Amino acid sequence: MATDTRLTMTLPGDDQILVTAELAVPPHRAYRAWTAPDLVRRWWAGRAGRTTDVHIDLRVGGRWRYAMAVEGDEIAFHGYFREIVPGERIVSTEVFEDPAGYPRAEEELVNTVTFTGTAAGTLLTLLVRARTRAQRDRIVAPDLVDELRERMELLERAAAAPP
């Protein structure tokens, strides 16, 4: 399936990153691709690495963890779900784990992802709230938009695949 994922990234506040992606799949399928471990494995690492761990306990207070192998190193993130509106919205924390596996709790982000139906499919909106502007600026790398577009294209393909 050819994809034409339209993605934008803006910085609406000193501590915020806002990503919007237009996906050619219905919201329930985009939500499932975001929350089902077998589908997350297909898109989360993009082409940068190989996803090695996906754990999702999809409930308020439940924990999630994703890891990938990149050039022999493991890169991992984890967090907890704060709010879940099935098929519509997820609010969760996110913490980067350093290569030794120790979390950096002081670097915790809060992510809000929403899945809104459109005539063409889904408008996926991801609002990332950092603790500081400096933390936000460390996340915003020159190639971040390209990496996110790649991942959203892979997410769209995973969502479009037969269940």
N, C-alpha and C. Protein backbone atom coordinates (compact mmCIF):
# COMPACT_ATOMS: atom_id res chain seq x y z
N MET A 1 0.84 -1.18 0.00
CA MET A 1 0.00 0.00 0.00
C MET A 1 0.88 1.24 0.00
N ALA A 2 0.65 2.12 -0.94
CA ALA A 2 1.40 3.37 -0.98
C ALA A 2 0.81 4.31 0.07
N THR A 3 1.68 5.03 0.74
CA THR A 3 1.19 5.96 1.75
C THR A 3 1.55 7.38 1.35
N ASP A 4 0.75 8.31 1.82
CA ASP A 4 0.99 9.72 1.62
C ASP A 4 0.69 10.40 2.95
N THR A 5 1.38 9.99 3.97
CA THR A 5 1.15 10.51 5.31
C THR A 5 1.57 11.97 5.36
N ARG A 6 0.62 12.80 5.70
CA ARG A 6 0.91 14.22 5.87
C ARG A 6 1.16 14.45 7.35
N LEU A 7 2.32 15.00 7.67
CA LEU A 7 2.72 15.19 9.05
C LEU A 7 3.27 16.59 9.24
N THR A 8 2.89 17.21 10.35
CA THR A 8 3.46 18.50 10.71
C THR A 8 3.91 18.45 12.16
N MET A 9 4.91 19.27 12.47
CA MET A 9 5.38 19.41 13.84
C MET A 9 5.53 20.89 14.13
N THR A 10 4.97 21.32 15.25
CA THR A 10 5.09 22.71 15.68
C THR A 10 5.50 22.73 17.15
N LEU A 11 5.90 23.91 17.60
CA LEU A 11 6.30 24.11 18.99
C LEU A 11 5.36 25.17 19.58
N PRO A 12 4.16 24.77 20.03
CA PRO A 12 3.16 25.74 20.47
C PRO A 12 3.46 26.42 21.81
N GLY A 13 4.35 25.86 22.60
CA GLY A 13 4.72 26.46 23.89
C GLY A 13 6.17 26.14 24.19
N ASP A 14 6.72 26.82 25.16
CA ASP A 14 8.14 26.62 25.50
C ASP A 14 8.46 25.18 25.89
N ASP A 15 7.46 24.46 26.37
CA ASP A 15 7.71 23.09 26.82
C ASP A 15 6.93 22.06 26.00
N GLN A 16 6.49 22.42 24.80
CA GLN A 16 5.59 21.55 24.03
C GLN A 16 6.08 21.28 22.62
N ILE A 17 5.76 20.07 22.17
CA ILE A 17 5.92 19.67 20.77
C ILE A 17 4.57 19.14 20.34
N LEU A 18 4.06 19.62 19.22
CA LEU A 18 2.78 19.15 18.71
C LEU A 18 2.99 18.53 17.34
N VAL A 19 2.61 17.27 17.23
CA VAL A 19 2.74 16.53 15.98
C VAL A 19 1.33 16.16 15.52
N THR A 20 1.04 16.42 14.25
CA THR A 20 -0.23 15.98 13.67
C THR A 20 0.08 15.16 12.43
N ALA A 21 -0.65 14.06 12.28
CA ALA A 21 -0.47 13.19 11.12
C ALA A 21 -1.85 12.81 10.60
N GLU A 22 -2.01 12.94 9.29
CA GLU A 22 -3.24 12.52 8.64
C GLU A 22 -3.01 11.11 8.11
N LEU A 23 -3.82 10.18 8.60
CA LEU A 23 -3.67 8.77 8.24
C LEU A 23 -4.88 8.30 7.45
N ALA A 24 -4.66 7.48 6.45
CA ALA A 24 -5.73 6.99 5.59
C ALA A 24 -6.32 5.69 6.13
N VAL A 25 -6.59 5.67 7.42
CA VAL A 25 -7.24 4.52 8.08
C VAL A 25 -8.23 5.08 9.09
N PRO A 26 -9.28 4.34 9.42
CA PRO A 26 -10.23 4.84 10.42
C PRO A 26 -9.61 4.91 11.81
N PRO A 27 -10.16 5.78 12.67
CA PRO A 27 -9.58 5.97 14.01
C PRO A 27 -9.44 4.68 14.82
N HIS A 28 -10.41 3.78 14.75
CA HIS A 28 -10.31 2.55 15.56
C HIS A 28 -9.11 1.71 15.14
N ARG A 29 -8.77 1.75 13.85
CA ARG A 29 -7.60 0.98 13.38
C ARG A 29 -6.29 1.68 13.76
N ALA A 30 -6.27 3.01 13.69
CA ALA A 30 -5.07 3.75 14.11
C ALA A 30 -4.83 3.55 15.61
N TYR A 31 -5.90 3.60 16.40
CA TYR A 31 -5.81 3.38 17.84
C TYR A 31 -5.26 1.98 18.13
N ARG A 32 -5.78 0.99 17.43
CA ARG A 32 -5.31 -0.38 17.64
C ARG A 32 -3.83 -0.51 17.30
N ALA A 33 -3.40 0.12 16.20
CA ALA A 33 -1.98 0.07 15.82
C ALA A 33 -1.10 0.75 16.85
N TRP A 34 -1.66 1.71 17.57
CA TRP A 34 -0.92 2.42 18.62
C TRP A 34 -0.85 1.62 19.91
N THR A 35 -1.82 0.71 20.12
CA THR A 35 -1.94 0.05 21.42
C THR A 35 -1.74 -1.47 21.42
N ALA A 36 -1.76 -2.11 20.29
CA ALA A 36 -1.59 -3.57 20.23
C ALA A 36 -0.11 -3.91 20.05
N PRO A 37 0.49 -4.63 20.99
CA PRO A 37 1.93 -4.91 20.93
C PRO A 37 2.40 -5.48 19.59
N ASP A 38 1.65 -6.41 18.99
CA ASP A 38 2.09 -7.00 17.73
C ASP A 38 2.14 -5.96 16.61
N LEU A 39 1.28 -4.95 16.66
CA LEU A 39 1.31 -3.89 15.64
C LEU A 39 2.35 -2.82 15.97
N VAL A 40 2.53 -2.50 17.24
CA VAL A 40 3.54 -1.52 17.64
C VAL A 40 4.92 -2.01 17.18
N ARG A 41 5.15 -3.30 17.28
CA ARG A 41 6.44 -3.87 16.83
C ARG A 41 6.73 -3.55 15.36
N ARG A 42 5.69 -3.37 14.56
CA ARG A 42 5.86 -3.13 13.13
C ARG A 42 6.27 -1.69 12.79
N TRP A 43 6.01 -0.74 13.69
CA TRP A 43 6.26 0.64 13.33
C TRP A 43 7.14 1.43 14.30
N TRP A 44 7.20 1.05 15.56
CA TRP A 44 7.79 1.92 16.56
C TRP A 44 9.25 2.28 16.30
N ALA A 45 10.09 1.35 15.92
CA ALA A 45 11.52 1.63 15.70
C ALA A 45 11.77 2.31 14.36
N GLY A 46 10.76 2.37 13.51
CA GLY A 46 10.99 2.89 12.18
C GLY A 46 11.99 1.99 11.47
N ARG A 47 12.78 2.59 10.61
CA ARG A 47 13.82 1.81 9.93
C ARG A 47 15.18 2.00 10.60
N ALA A 48 15.18 2.73 11.72
CA ALA A 48 16.44 3.03 12.42
C ALA A 48 16.98 1.83 13.18
N GLY A 49 16.11 0.92 13.55
CA GLY A 49 16.53 -0.22 14.34
C GLY A 49 15.51 -1.33 14.29
N ARG A 50 15.61 -2.24 15.22
CA ARG A 50 14.71 -3.38 15.31
C ARG A 50 14.07 -3.37 16.69
N THR A 51 12.74 -3.37 16.72
CA THR A 51 12.04 -3.37 17.99
C THR A 51 12.30 -4.70 18.69
N THR A 52 12.75 -4.63 19.95
CA THR A 52 13.09 -5.84 20.70
C THR A 52 12.15 -6.12 21.86
N ASP A 53 11.41 -5.09 22.32
CA ASP A 53 10.51 -5.28 23.45
C ASP A 53 9.34 -4.33 23.32
N VAL A 54 8.14 -4.86 23.45
CA VAL A 54 6.92 -4.05 23.52
C VAL A 54 6.06 -4.65 24.62
N HIS A 55 5.88 -3.88 25.67
CA HIS A 55 5.00 -4.30 26.76
C HIS A 55 3.98 -3.19 26.95
N ILE A 56 2.70 -3.54 26.89
CA ILE A 56 1.63 -2.56 27.06
C ILE A 56 0.58 -3.13 28.00
N ASP A 57 0.42 -2.52 29.16
CA ASP A 57 -0.65 -2.85 30.11
C ASP A 57 -1.64 -1.69 30.01
N LEU A 58 -2.53 -1.77 29.03
CA LEU A 58 -3.39 -0.65 28.64
C LEU A 58 -4.54 -0.45 29.62
N ARG A 59 -4.22 0.22 30.71
CA ARG A 59 -5.21 0.61 31.72
C ARG A 59 -4.61 1.77 32.49
N VAL A 60 -5.47 2.59 33.08
CA VAL A 60 -4.96 3.71 33.88
C VAL A 60 -4.09 3.13 34.99
N GLY A 61 -2.88 3.63 35.09
CA GLY A 61 -1.91 3.11 36.06
C GLY A 61 -1.07 1.98 35.50
N GLY A 62 -1.45 1.45 34.34
CA GLY A 62 -0.68 0.37 33.70
C GLY A 62 0.62 0.91 33.12
N ARG A 63 1.58 0.03 32.99
CA ARG A 63 2.92 0.40 32.53
C ARG A 63 3.10 0.01 31.07
N TRP A 64 3.91 0.77 30.36
CA TRP A 64 4.31 0.40 29.01
C TRP A 64 5.84 0.50 28.93
N ARG A 65 6.42 -0.26 28.00
CA ARG A 65 7.86 -0.19 27.75
C ARG A 65 8.12 -0.64 26.33
N TYR A 66 8.91 0.15 25.60
CA TYR A 66 9.35 -0.19 24.25
C TYR A 66 10.87 -0.11 24.22
N ALA A 67 11.49 -1.05 23.49
CA ALA A 67 12.94 -1.02 23.32
C ALA A 67 13.28 -1.41 21.89
N MET A 68 14.40 -0.90 21.42
CA MET A 68 14.89 -1.26 20.10
C MET A 68 16.39 -1.41 20.12
N ALA A 69 16.87 -2.24 19.20
CA ALA A 69 18.30 -2.42 19.01
C ALA A 69 18.74 -1.55 17.84
N VAL A 70 19.77 -0.74 18.09
CA VAL A 70 20.34 0.12 17.06
C VAL A 70 21.84 -0.01 17.14
N GLU A 71 22.44 -0.57 16.09
CA GLU A 71 23.89 -0.72 16.03
C GLU A 71 24.46 -1.37 17.29
N GLY A 72 23.80 -2.40 17.78
CA GLY A 72 24.28 -3.15 18.93
C GLY A 72 23.89 -2.59 20.28
N ASP A 73 23.31 -1.41 20.32
CA ASP A 73 22.87 -0.80 21.57
C ASP A 73 21.36 -0.94 21.73
N GLU A 74 20.90 -0.97 22.99
CA GLU A 74 19.46 -0.96 23.24
C GLU A 74 19.05 0.45 23.64
N ILE A 75 18.00 0.92 23.00
CA ILE A 75 17.39 2.21 23.34
C ILE A 75 15.99 1.89 23.82
N ALA A 76 15.65 2.34 25.03
CA ALA A 76 14.36 1.98 25.60
C ALA A 76 13.70 3.18 26.26
N PHE A 77 12.37 3.11 26.29
CA PHE A 77 11.54 4.11 26.93
C PHE A 77 10.45 3.38 27.70
N HIS A 78 9.97 4.00 28.77
CA HIS A 78 8.84 3.41 29.48
C HIS A 78 8.01 4.52 30.11
N GLY A 79 6.85 4.13 30.60
CA GLY A 79 5.99 5.10 31.26
C GLY A 79 4.75 4.44 31.80
N TYR A 80 3.81 5.27 32.24
CA TYR A 80 2.55 4.81 32.81
C TYR A 80 1.39 5.53 32.12
N PHE A 81 0.27 4.84 32.04
CA PHE A 81 -0.92 5.44 31.46
C PHE A 81 -1.66 6.23 32.52
N ARG A 82 -1.94 7.49 32.22
CA ARG A 82 -2.66 8.38 33.14
C ARG A 82 -4.15 8.46 32.81
N GLU A 83 -4.46 8.40 31.52
CA GLU A 83 -5.84 8.52 31.08
C GLU A 83 -6.01 7.73 29.80
N ILE A 84 -7.13 7.02 29.69
CA ILE A 84 -7.43 6.26 28.48
C ILE A 84 -8.90 6.43 28.16
N VAL A 85 -9.17 6.92 26.95
CA VAL A 85 -10.52 6.94 26.40
C VAL A 85 -10.44 6.04 25.18
N PRO A 86 -10.88 4.78 25.30
CA PRO A 86 -10.69 3.81 24.22
C PRO A 86 -11.10 4.35 22.85
N GLY A 87 -10.19 4.19 21.91
CA GLY A 87 -10.43 4.60 20.54
C GLY A 87 -10.27 6.09 20.28
N GLU A 88 -10.05 6.89 21.33
CA GLU A 88 -10.03 8.34 21.16
C GLU A 88 -8.80 9.05 21.70
N ARG A 89 -8.35 8.69 22.90
CA ARG A 89 -7.33 9.51 23.56
C ARG A 89 -6.56 8.67 24.58
N ILE A 90 -5.25 8.93 24.64
CA ILE A 90 -4.38 8.30 25.64
C ILE A 90 -3.44 9.37 26.18
N VAL A 91 -3.34 9.44 27.51
CA VAL A 91 -2.37 10.31 28.15
C VAL A 91 -1.43 9.39 28.93
N SER A 92 -0.14 9.55 28.67
CA SER A 92 0.84 8.70 29.34
C SER A 92 2.12 9.48 29.61
N THR A 93 2.92 8.95 30.53
CA THR A 93 4.24 9.51 30.78
C THR A 93 5.24 8.77 29.90
N GLU A 94 6.41 9.37 29.74
CA GLU A 94 7.47 8.75 28.97
C GLU A 94 8.81 9.11 29.58
N VAL A 95 9.64 8.09 29.82
CA VAL A 95 10.97 8.28 30.39
C VAL A 95 11.96 7.50 29.54
N PHE A 96 13.05 8.15 29.16
CA PHE A 96 14.13 7.50 28.44
C PHE A 96 14.96 6.70 29.44
N GLU A 97 15.35 5.49 29.07
CA GLU A 97 16.25 4.68 29.89
C GLU A 97 17.65 4.80 29.31
N ASP A 98 18.61 5.15 30.13
CA ASP A 98 19.97 5.26 29.60
C ASP A 98 20.49 3.87 29.26
N PRO A 99 21.60 3.78 28.52
CA PRO A 99 22.08 2.47 28.07
C PRO A 99 22.30 1.44 29.18
N ALA A 100 22.53 1.88 30.41
CA ALA A 100 22.70 0.94 31.52
C ALA A 100 21.34 0.47 32.05
N GLY A 101 20.26 1.02 31.50
CA GLY A 101 18.92 0.59 31.90
C GLY A 101 18.31 1.39 33.03
N TYR A 102 18.99 2.44 33.46
CA TYR A 102 18.47 3.25 34.56
C TYR A 102 17.59 4.37 34.02
N PRO A 103 16.39 4.51 34.52
CA PRO A 103 15.52 5.58 34.03
C PRO A 103 15.99 6.96 34.51
N ARG A 104 15.67 7.94 33.72
CA ARG A 104 15.96 9.32 34.08
C ARG A 104 14.63 9.99 34.43
N ALA A 105 14.14 9.77 35.64
CA ALA A 105 12.83 10.25 36.05
C ALA A 105 12.70 11.77 35.94
N GLU A 106 13.79 12.48 36.13
CA GLU A 106 13.72 13.94 36.04
C GLU A 106 13.45 14.40 34.61
N GLU A 107 13.56 13.51 33.66
CA GLU A 107 13.34 13.83 32.25
C GLU A 107 11.96 13.38 31.78
N GLU A 108 11.06 13.04 32.68
CA GLU A 108 9.74 12.53 32.31
C GLU A 108 8.96 13.51 31.44
N LEU A 109 8.39 12.99 30.37
CA LEU A 109 7.51 13.73 29.49
C LEU A 109 6.08 13.29 29.75
N VAL A 110 5.12 14.09 29.34
CA VAL A 110 3.71 13.68 29.34
C VAL A 110 3.23 13.80 27.90
N ASN A 111 2.74 12.69 27.38
CA ASN A 111 2.27 12.61 25.99
C ASN A 111 0.76 12.44 25.96
N THR A 112 0.10 13.22 25.10
CA THR A 112 -1.33 13.07 24.88
C THR A 112 -1.53 12.80 23.40
N VAL A 113 -2.07 11.63 23.08
CA VAL A 113 -2.34 11.28 21.69
C VAL A 113 -3.84 11.15 21.52
N THR A 114 -4.35 11.76 20.44
CA THR A 114 -5.77 11.68 20.13
C THR A 114 -5.96 11.15 18.71
N PHE A 115 -7.08 10.49 18.51
CA PHE A 115 -7.43 9.87 17.23
C PHE A 115 -8.80 10.44 16.84
N THR A 116 -8.81 11.34 15.86
CA THR A 116 -10.04 12.02 15.45
C THR A 116 -10.41 11.59 14.04
N GLY A 117 -11.64 11.16 13.85
CA GLY A 117 -12.10 10.76 12.54
C GLY A 117 -12.21 11.93 11.59
N THR A 118 -11.82 11.71 10.34
CA THR A 118 -11.94 12.70 9.28
C THR A 118 -12.54 12.00 8.06
N ALA A 119 -12.89 12.77 7.04
CA ALA A 119 -13.43 12.18 5.82
C ALA A 119 -12.42 11.23 5.17
N ALA A 120 -11.12 11.53 5.35
CA ALA A 120 -10.07 10.71 4.74
C ALA A 120 -9.54 9.61 5.64
N GLY A 121 -9.92 9.60 6.92
CA GLY A 121 -9.40 8.59 7.84
C GLY A 121 -9.28 9.09 9.26
N THR A 122 -8.04 9.37 9.68
CA THR A 122 -7.77 9.77 11.07
C THR A 122 -6.81 10.94 11.10
N LEU A 123 -7.11 11.89 11.96
CA LEU A 123 -6.13 12.91 12.33
C LEU A 123 -5.56 12.46 13.67
N LEU A 124 -4.30 12.03 13.66
CA LEU A 124 -3.61 11.64 14.88
C LEU A 124 -2.86 12.87 15.37
N THR A 125 -3.10 13.24 16.62
CA THR A 125 -2.45 14.40 17.22
C THR A 125 -1.68 13.93 18.44
N LEU A 126 -0.40 14.27 18.50
CA LEU A 126 0.45 13.92 19.63
C LEU A 126 1.01 15.20 20.22
N LEU A 127 0.63 15.49 21.47
CA LEU A 127 1.17 16.64 22.19
C LEU A 127 2.14 16.12 23.23
N VAL A 128 3.39 16.52 23.11
CA VAL A 128 4.44 16.13 24.05
C VAL A 128 4.72 17.33 24.93
N ARG A 129 4.61 17.12 26.26
CA ARG A 129 4.91 18.19 27.22
C ARG A 129 6.18 17.81 27.96
N ALA A 130 7.19 18.63 27.79
CA ALA A 130 8.46 18.44 28.50
C ALA A 130 8.39 19.20 29.82
N ARG A 131 9.39 19.00 30.65
CA ARG A 131 9.44 19.73 31.91
C ARG A 131 9.99 21.14 31.73
N THR A 132 10.88 21.29 30.72
CA THR A 132 11.51 22.59 30.49
C THR A 132 11.69 22.82 28.99
N ARG A 133 11.96 24.05 28.64
CA ARG A 133 12.26 24.37 27.24
C ARG A 133 13.54 23.65 26.79
N ALA A 134 14.54 23.60 27.67
CA ALA A 134 15.80 22.94 27.33
C ALA A 134 15.57 21.46 27.02
N GLN A 135 14.73 20.80 27.79
CA GLN A 135 14.42 19.40 27.53
C GLN A 135 13.72 19.27 26.19
N ARG A 136 12.74 20.12 25.93
CA ARG A 136 12.04 20.09 24.64
C ARG A 136 13.02 20.26 23.49
N ASP A 137 13.92 21.22 23.64
CA ASP A 137 14.87 21.51 22.56
C ASP A 137 15.84 20.36 22.31
N ARG A 138 16.15 19.55 23.33
CA ARG A 138 17.02 18.38 23.13
C ARG A 138 16.30 17.31 22.30
N ILE A 139 14.99 17.27 22.40
CA ILE A 139 14.20 16.28 21.67
C ILE A 139 14.08 16.66 20.19
N VAL A 140 13.96 17.95 19.93
CA VAL A 140 13.69 18.43 18.57
C VAL A 140 15.00 18.45 17.78
N ALA A 141 15.29 17.34 17.12
CA ALA A 141 16.48 17.22 16.29
C ALA A 141 16.12 17.57 14.85
N PRO A 142 17.11 17.94 14.04
CA PRO A 142 16.83 18.32 12.65
C PRO A 142 16.09 17.24 11.84
N ASP A 143 16.36 15.97 12.12
CA ASP A 143 15.72 14.91 11.35
C ASP A 143 14.48 14.31 12.03
N LEU A 144 13.99 14.96 13.11
CA LEU A 144 12.86 14.41 13.85
C LEU A 144 11.60 14.30 12.99
N VAL A 145 11.30 15.30 12.19
CA VAL A 145 10.09 15.25 11.36
C VAL A 145 10.16 14.07 10.39
N ASP A 146 11.32 13.85 9.77
CA ASP A 146 11.47 12.72 8.84
C ASP A 146 11.29 11.39 9.57
N GLU A 147 11.87 11.27 10.77
CA GLU A 147 11.71 10.03 11.55
C GLU A 147 10.26 9.79 11.93
N LEU A 148 9.57 10.85 12.36
CA LEU A 148 8.17 10.72 12.74
C LEU A 148 7.31 10.37 11.53
N ARG A 149 7.57 11.00 10.38
CA ARG A 149 6.81 10.69 9.17
C ARG A 149 6.99 9.21 8.80
N GLU A 150 8.22 8.73 8.87
CA GLU A 150 8.49 7.33 8.57
C GLU A 150 7.71 6.42 9.51
N ARG A 151 7.72 6.72 10.80
CA ARG A 151 7.00 5.90 11.77
C ARG A 151 5.49 5.96 11.56
N MET A 152 4.97 7.12 11.23
CA MET A 152 3.52 7.23 10.99
C MET A 152 3.12 6.49 9.72
N GLU A 153 3.98 6.47 8.71
CA GLU A 153 3.71 5.69 7.50
C GLU A 153 3.68 4.20 7.83
N LEU A 154 4.62 3.77 8.66
CA LEU A 154 4.64 2.37 9.07
C LEU A 154 3.44 2.04 9.96
N LEU A 155 3.05 2.96 10.84
CA LEU A 155 1.87 2.77 11.67
C LEU A 155 0.62 2.65 10.79
N GLU A 156 0.53 3.51 9.79
CA GLU A 156 -0.60 3.47 8.87
C GLU A 156 -0.67 2.12 8.14
N ARG A 157 0.46 1.62 7.69
CA ARG A 157 0.50 0.30 7.03
C ARG A 157 0.07 -0.81 7.99
N ALA A 158 0.56 -0.74 9.23
CA ALA A 158 0.19 -1.76 10.22
C ALA A 158 -1.31 -1.69 10.50
N ALA A 159 -1.85 -0.48 10.59
CA ALA A 159 -3.28 -0.30 10.86
C ALA A 159 -4.14 -0.79 9.70
N ALA A 160 -3.64 -0.66 8.48
CA ALA A 160 -4.40 -1.03 7.29
C ALA A 160 -4.36 -2.53 7.02
N ALA A 161 -3.40 -3.24 7.59
CA ALA A 161 -3.25 -4.68 7.36
C ALA A 161 -4.47 -5.42 7.92
N PRO A 162 -4.85 -6.52 7.28
CA PRO A 162 -5.98 -7.30 7.81
C PRO A 162 -5.71 -7.75 9.25
N PRO A 163 -6.78 -7.72 10.08
CA PRO A 163 -6.59 -8.13 11.50
C PRO A 163 -6.22 -9.59 11.66
